[in-house]
């Protein structure tokens, strides 16, 4: 069988993956805190059909003869550029300006997210729409854990740029209650995407560096605002064309290889 046919099949698979990634990016163009992905190709194994020689005397050297065997997807990398900000007016909506993630927990497991659409549940926990509880440091006793505010004891809850959660007590005094925890990673592209706007740490990402907004390389917070998706539609539509044409070209290679095989079969007639 012709090597070109197998190479073209690998091209079909790779461009199908590129189309899948592009389609997912476009589907999440309005998803809060979504980070787009990009597809990177690399060549597969190369078959050496003739080795190279150094040459010497009156004989010139000879370069090796090699034939490539197709392509494969090298990586689908996350792109962590800043998304546009959208004002919402809700005091518990938060957008990170700069690097870092919110730290949330569910069932004792930590997750990280850029989607800051938080709200207080019936018990007073500040949580995501999926039920993950935002983590922080209690400024009243120094404990760390789920951010919990008694809605009967404190009103007029506000959040500052440094992540300080402030409330007004029964005497009308403003009290600093919590400070929201944030995290960054040595290799942010190494995080595992869990879906629902959540990321999980991995050996490739390195250990989480936990701190507070505006410190240790972490960005600041903007209340009443959400970070939108960083999907660039112009780039994604260009990628649609590239993946479609690449798929078509590889399909044409298969058709041409099939015609060559048909000529070989016809030699017996």
Protein backbone atom coordinates (compact mmCIF):
# COMPACT_ATOMS: atom_id res chain seq x y z
CA UNK A 1 0.00 0.00 0.00
CA UNK A 2 1.26 3.52 -0.75
CA UNK A 3 2.83 5.42 2.15
CA UNK A 4 1.09 8.58 0.95
CA UNK A 5 -2.30 7.07 1.78
CA UNK A 6 -1.36 6.37 5.40
CA UNK A 7 0.21 9.82 5.70
CA UNK A 8 -3.00 11.39 4.42
CA UNK A 9 -5.08 9.39 6.93
CA UNK A 10 -2.96 10.81 9.76
CA UNK A 11 -3.59 14.27 8.29
CA UNK A 12 -7.34 13.66 8.32
CA UNK A 13 -7.23 12.67 11.99
CA UNK A 14 -5.12 15.66 12.98
CA UNK A 15 -7.28 18.18 11.15
CA UNK A 16 -10.40 16.61 12.62
CA UNK A 17 -8.94 17.22 16.08
CA UNK A 18 -8.15 20.80 15.08
CA UNK A 19 -11.77 21.21 13.97
CA UNK A 20 -12.99 19.76 17.29
CA UNK A 21 -10.87 22.20 19.30
CA UNK A 22 -11.95 25.15 17.15
CA UNK A 23 -15.60 24.19 17.42
CA UNK A 24 -15.36 24.00 21.20
CA UNK A 25 -13.74 27.45 21.33
CA UNK A 26 -16.52 28.97 19.24
CA UNK A 27 -19.17 27.25 21.36
CA UNK A 28 -17.69 28.93 24.46
CA UNK A 29 -17.34 32.42 22.99
CA UNK A 30 -19.67 33.79 25.71
CA UNK A 31 -18.66 31.48 28.57
CA UNK A 32 -17.50 33.36 31.67
CA UNK A 33 -13.81 32.85 32.41
CA UNK A 34 -13.31 30.42 29.51
CA UNK A 35 -9.76 30.03 28.21
CA UNK A 36 -9.42 28.99 24.58
CA UNK A 37 -7.27 26.12 23.32
CA UNK A 38 -5.01 25.88 20.30
CA UNK A 39 -3.90 22.84 18.31
CA UNK A 40 -0.26 22.22 17.49
CA UNK A 41 0.83 19.62 14.92
CA UNK A 42 4.09 17.74 14.61
CA UNK A 43 5.41 15.25 12.11
CA UNK A 44 5.35 11.56 12.93
CA UNK A 45 8.19 9.12 12.37
CA UNK A 46 10.41 9.58 9.33
CA UNK A 47 11.54 6.50 7.44
CA UNK A 48 15.23 6.46 6.53
CA UNK A 49 15.57 4.85 3.11
CA UNK A 50 19.26 5.61 2.62
CA UNK A 51 21.87 6.62 5.14
CA UNK A 52 24.21 9.56 4.75
CA UNK A 53 27.96 9.30 4.21
CA UNK A 54 30.77 11.63 5.20
CA UNK A 55 32.75 11.39 1.98
CA UNK A 56 36.49 11.63 1.64
CA UNK A 57 39.27 11.66 -0.91
CA UNK A 58 37.75 12.05 -4.35
CA UNK A 59 34.28 10.89 -3.26
CA UNK A 60 31.78 13.49 -2.13
CA UNK A 61 29.55 12.98 0.87
CA UNK A 62 25.96 11.93 0.45
CA UNK A 63 22.96 13.21 2.34
CA UNK A 64 20.49 10.76 3.88
CA UNK A 65 17.26 10.00 2.03
CA UNK A 66 14.19 10.19 4.22
CA UNK A 67 10.44 9.92 3.69
CA UNK A 68 7.98 11.31 6.23
CA UNK A 69 5.07 9.20 7.44
CA UNK A 70 2.47 11.85 8.21
CA UNK A 71 1.47 14.16 11.04
CA UNK A 72 0.01 14.00 14.51
CA UNK A 73 -1.35 16.36 17.15
CA UNK A 74 1.52 17.43 19.40
CA UNK A 75 -0.57 19.33 21.93
CA UNK A 76 -3.81 21.16 22.58
CA UNK A 77 -2.55 24.06 24.67
CA UNK A 78 -4.65 26.35 26.83
CA UNK A 79 -4.28 30.05 26.05
CA UNK A 80 -4.36 32.10 29.26
CA UNK A 81 -4.64 35.60 27.84
CA UNK A 82 -6.85 38.08 29.65
CA UNK A 83 -10.51 38.06 28.66
CA UNK A 84 -12.62 41.20 28.31
CA UNK A 85 -14.39 42.55 31.41
CA UNK A 86 -18.16 42.86 31.61
CA UNK A 87 -19.78 45.01 34.28
CA UNK A 88 -22.66 43.28 36.05
CA UNK A 89 -23.29 45.43 39.12
CA UNK A 90 -23.51 42.35 41.39
CA UNK A 91 -21.17 42.85 44.38
CA UNK A 92 -20.22 39.17 44.52
CA UNK A 93 -19.23 38.97 40.83
CA UNK A 94 -15.44 39.11 40.65
CA UNK A 95 -12.96 39.47 37.81
CA UNK A 96 -9.23 38.87 38.16
CA UNK A 97 -7.12 41.59 36.57
CA UNK A 98 -3.80 39.83 35.95
CA UNK A 99 -2.51 36.38 36.84
CA UNK A 100 -4.02 33.89 39.24
CA UNK A 101 -7.06 31.78 40.00
CA UNK A 102 -9.77 31.66 42.61
CA UNK A 103 -9.40 28.66 44.93
CA UNK A 104 -12.61 26.67 45.42
CA UNK A 105 -13.33 23.35 47.11
CA UNK A 106 -15.93 20.64 46.83
CA UNK A 107 -15.98 17.45 48.89
CA UNK A 108 -12.51 18.25 50.22
CA UNK A 109 -10.92 18.58 46.77
CA UNK A 110 -9.38 21.83 45.56
CA UNK A 111 -10.12 23.35 42.15
CA UNK A 112 -9.06 26.58 40.49
CA UNK A 113 -11.14 28.90 38.34
CA UNK A 114 -11.17 32.29 36.60
CA UNK A 115 -14.98 32.36 36.48
CA UNK A 116 -15.98 34.72 39.28
CA UNK A 117 -19.77 34.45 39.23
CA UNK A 118 -20.10 33.85 42.98
CA UNK A 119 -23.15 34.15 45.20
CA UNK A 120 -24.11 33.37 48.79
CA UNK A 121 -26.05 30.16 49.35
CA UNK A 122 -28.71 29.72 52.04
CA UNK A 123 -26.08 28.92 54.67
CA UNK A 124 -23.97 31.97 53.86
CA UNK A 125 -21.21 30.25 51.88
CA UNK A 126 -19.78 32.20 48.94
CA UNK A 127 -19.92 29.65 46.13
CA UNK A 128 -19.87 29.08 42.38
CA UNK A 129 -23.02 28.20 40.41
CA UNK A 130 -21.82 24.58 40.53
CA UNK A 131 -21.69 24.55 44.33
CA UNK A 132 -17.91 24.81 44.84
CA UNK A 133 -17.13 26.97 47.88
CA UNK A 134 -14.71 29.89 47.61
CA UNK A 135 -11.72 29.68 49.95
CA UNK A 136 -10.19 32.41 52.05
CA UNK A 137 -8.74 33.49 55.39
CA UNK A 138 -11.01 34.52 58.24
CA UNK A 139 -9.74 37.93 59.40
CA UNK A 140 -11.52 37.58 62.75
CA UNK A 141 -9.80 34.40 63.93
CA UNK A 142 -7.13 33.63 61.29
CA UNK A 143 -8.70 30.34 60.22
CA UNK A 144 -8.57 29.26 56.58
CA UNK A 145 -11.39 27.53 54.75
CA UNK A 146 -14.79 28.09 53.17
CA UNK A 147 -15.83 31.74 53.14
CA UNK A 148 -18.92 31.90 55.35
CA UNK A 149 -20.82 35.08 56.23
CA UNK A 150 -23.82 35.13 58.57
CA UNK A 151 -26.48 37.03 56.52
CA UNK A 152 -28.40 37.85 59.68
CA UNK A 153 -25.39 39.41 61.42
CA UNK A 154 -23.79 41.32 58.52
CA UNK A 155 -25.28 43.34 55.66
CA UNK A 156 -23.95 45.49 52.78
CA UNK A 157 -21.32 42.91 51.82
CA UNK A 158 -18.57 44.38 49.61
CA UNK A 159 -15.31 42.99 48.22
CA UNK A 160 -12.20 45.11 47.73
CA UNK A 161 -9.48 44.94 45.09
CA UNK A 162 -7.27 43.01 47.53
CA UNK A 163 -10.00 40.41 48.09
CA UNK A 164 -11.12 41.68 51.50
CA UNK A 165 -14.77 40.83 52.21
CA UNK A 166 -16.35 43.57 54.32
CA UNK A 167 -19.75 43.67 56.00
CA UNK A 168 -21.75 46.04 58.17
CA UNK A 169 -22.59 44.69 61.63
CA UNK A 170 -25.68 45.34 63.74
CA UNK A 171 -24.13 48.54 65.13
CA UNK A 172 -23.58 49.94 61.65
CA UNK A 173 -19.81 49.46 61.80
CA UNK A 174 -17.85 48.10 58.83
CA UNK A 175 -15.98 44.90 59.68
CA UNK A 176 -13.33 43.12 57.60
CA UNK A 177 -14.51 39.51 57.64
CA UNK A 178 -12.53 37.47 55.12
CA UNK A 179 -9.78 37.75 52.56
CA UNK A 180 -10.20 35.72 49.39
CA UNK A 181 -7.41 33.24 48.61
CA UNK A 182 -5.86 33.08 45.15
CA UNK A 183 -3.33 30.77 43.51
CA UNK A 184 -0.85 30.74 40.67
CA UNK A 185 1.31 28.00 39.14
CA UNK A 186 4.85 27.73 37.74
CA UNK A 187 3.41 26.27 34.51
CA UNK A 188 -0.18 27.40 34.12
CA UNK A 189 -0.54 25.55 30.78
CA UNK A 190 0.01 22.29 32.67
CA UNK A 191 -3.32 22.50 34.51
CA UNK A 192 -5.96 19.88 33.76
CA UNK A 193 -9.25 21.30 32.46
CA UNK A 194 -12.12 19.79 34.45
CA UNK A 195 -14.97 21.55 32.65
CA UNK A 196 -17.50 23.90 34.29
CA UNK A 197 -14.78 26.56 34.32
CA UNK A 198 -12.66 24.53 36.75
CA UNK A 199 -9.03 23.48 36.59
CA UNK A 200 -7.17 20.87 38.60
CA UNK A 201 -3.48 20.92 39.47
CA UNK A 202 -1.17 18.34 37.93
CA UNK A 203 2.52 17.39 38.09
CA UNK A 204 3.06 19.35 34.88
CA UNK A 205 1.65 22.54 36.41
CA UNK A 206 3.75 22.36 39.57
CA UNK A 207 2.70 23.08 43.13
CA UNK A 208 0.10 25.81 43.68
CA UNK A 209 1.45 29.07 45.11
CA UNK A 210 -1.38 30.36 47.30
CA UNK A 211 -1.62 34.00 48.36
CA UNK A 212 -3.83 37.05 48.13
CA UNK A 213 -4.75 39.51 45.40
CA UNK A 214 -2.03 42.03 44.58
CA UNK A 215 0.72 39.98 46.24
CA UNK A 216 3.35 37.51 44.99
CA UNK A 217 2.60 38.10 41.31
CA UNK A 218 -1.16 37.64 41.71
CA UNK A 219 -3.59 40.03 40.02
CA UNK A 220 -6.13 42.28 41.69
CA UNK A 221 -9.88 41.80 41.94
CA UNK A 222 -12.64 43.92 40.46
CA UNK A 223 -16.03 43.51 42.09
CA UNK A 224 -19.23 43.87 40.10
CA UNK A 225 -17.44 42.58 37.00
CA UNK A 226 -16.94 39.25 35.23
CA UNK A 227 -14.07 38.16 33.00
CA UNK A 228 -15.50 36.93 29.72
CA UNK A 229 -14.13 34.33 27.32
CA UNK A 230 -10.81 35.10 25.64
CA UNK A 231 -11.91 33.45 22.37
CA UNK A 232 -10.87 35.51 19.33
CA UNK A 233 -13.58 34.84 16.75
CA UNK A 234 -11.49 36.19 13.88
CA UNK A 235 -8.75 33.70 14.69
CA UNK A 236 -11.20 30.85 15.24
CA UNK A 237 -12.94 31.39 11.89
CA UNK A 238 -9.54 31.46 10.24
CA UNK A 239 -8.75 28.16 11.97
CA UNK A 240 -12.02 26.76 10.63
CA UNK A 241 -10.89 27.50 7.10
CA UNK A 242 -7.41 26.11 7.72
CA UNK A 243 -8.72 22.88 9.22
CA UNK A 244 -11.31 22.45 6.46
CA UNK A 245 -8.82 23.03 3.65
CA UNK A 246 -6.24 20.83 5.34
CA UNK A 247 -8.81 18.07 5.65
CA UNK A 248 -9.81 18.47 1.99
CA UNK A 249 -6.18 18.40 0.85
CA UNK A 250 -5.50 15.17 2.73
CA UNK A 251 -8.70 13.65 1.40
CA UNK A 252 -7.53 14.55 -2.12
CA UNK A 253 -4.21 12.83 -1.40
CA UNK A 254 -6.10 9.65 -0.56
CA UNK A 255 -8.11 9.91 -3.79
CA UNK A 256 -4.96 10.41 -5.85
CA UNK A 257 -3.24 7.49 -4.11
CA UNK A 258 -6.27 5.36 -4.87
CA UNK A 259 -6.03 6.29 -8.56
CA UNK A 260 -2.40 5.21 -8.61
CA UNK A 261 -3.32 1.89 -7.03
CA UNK A 262 -6.07 1.47 -9.60
CA UNK A 263 -3.51 1.93 -12.40
CA UNK A 264 -1.36 -0.78 -10.80
CA UNK A 265 -4.32 -3.15 -10.66
CA UNK A 266 -5.12 -2.42 -14.31
CA UNK A 267 -1.63 -3.50 -15.38
CA UNK A 268 -2.76 -7.13 -15.16
CA UNK A 269 -5.55 -6.65 -17.65
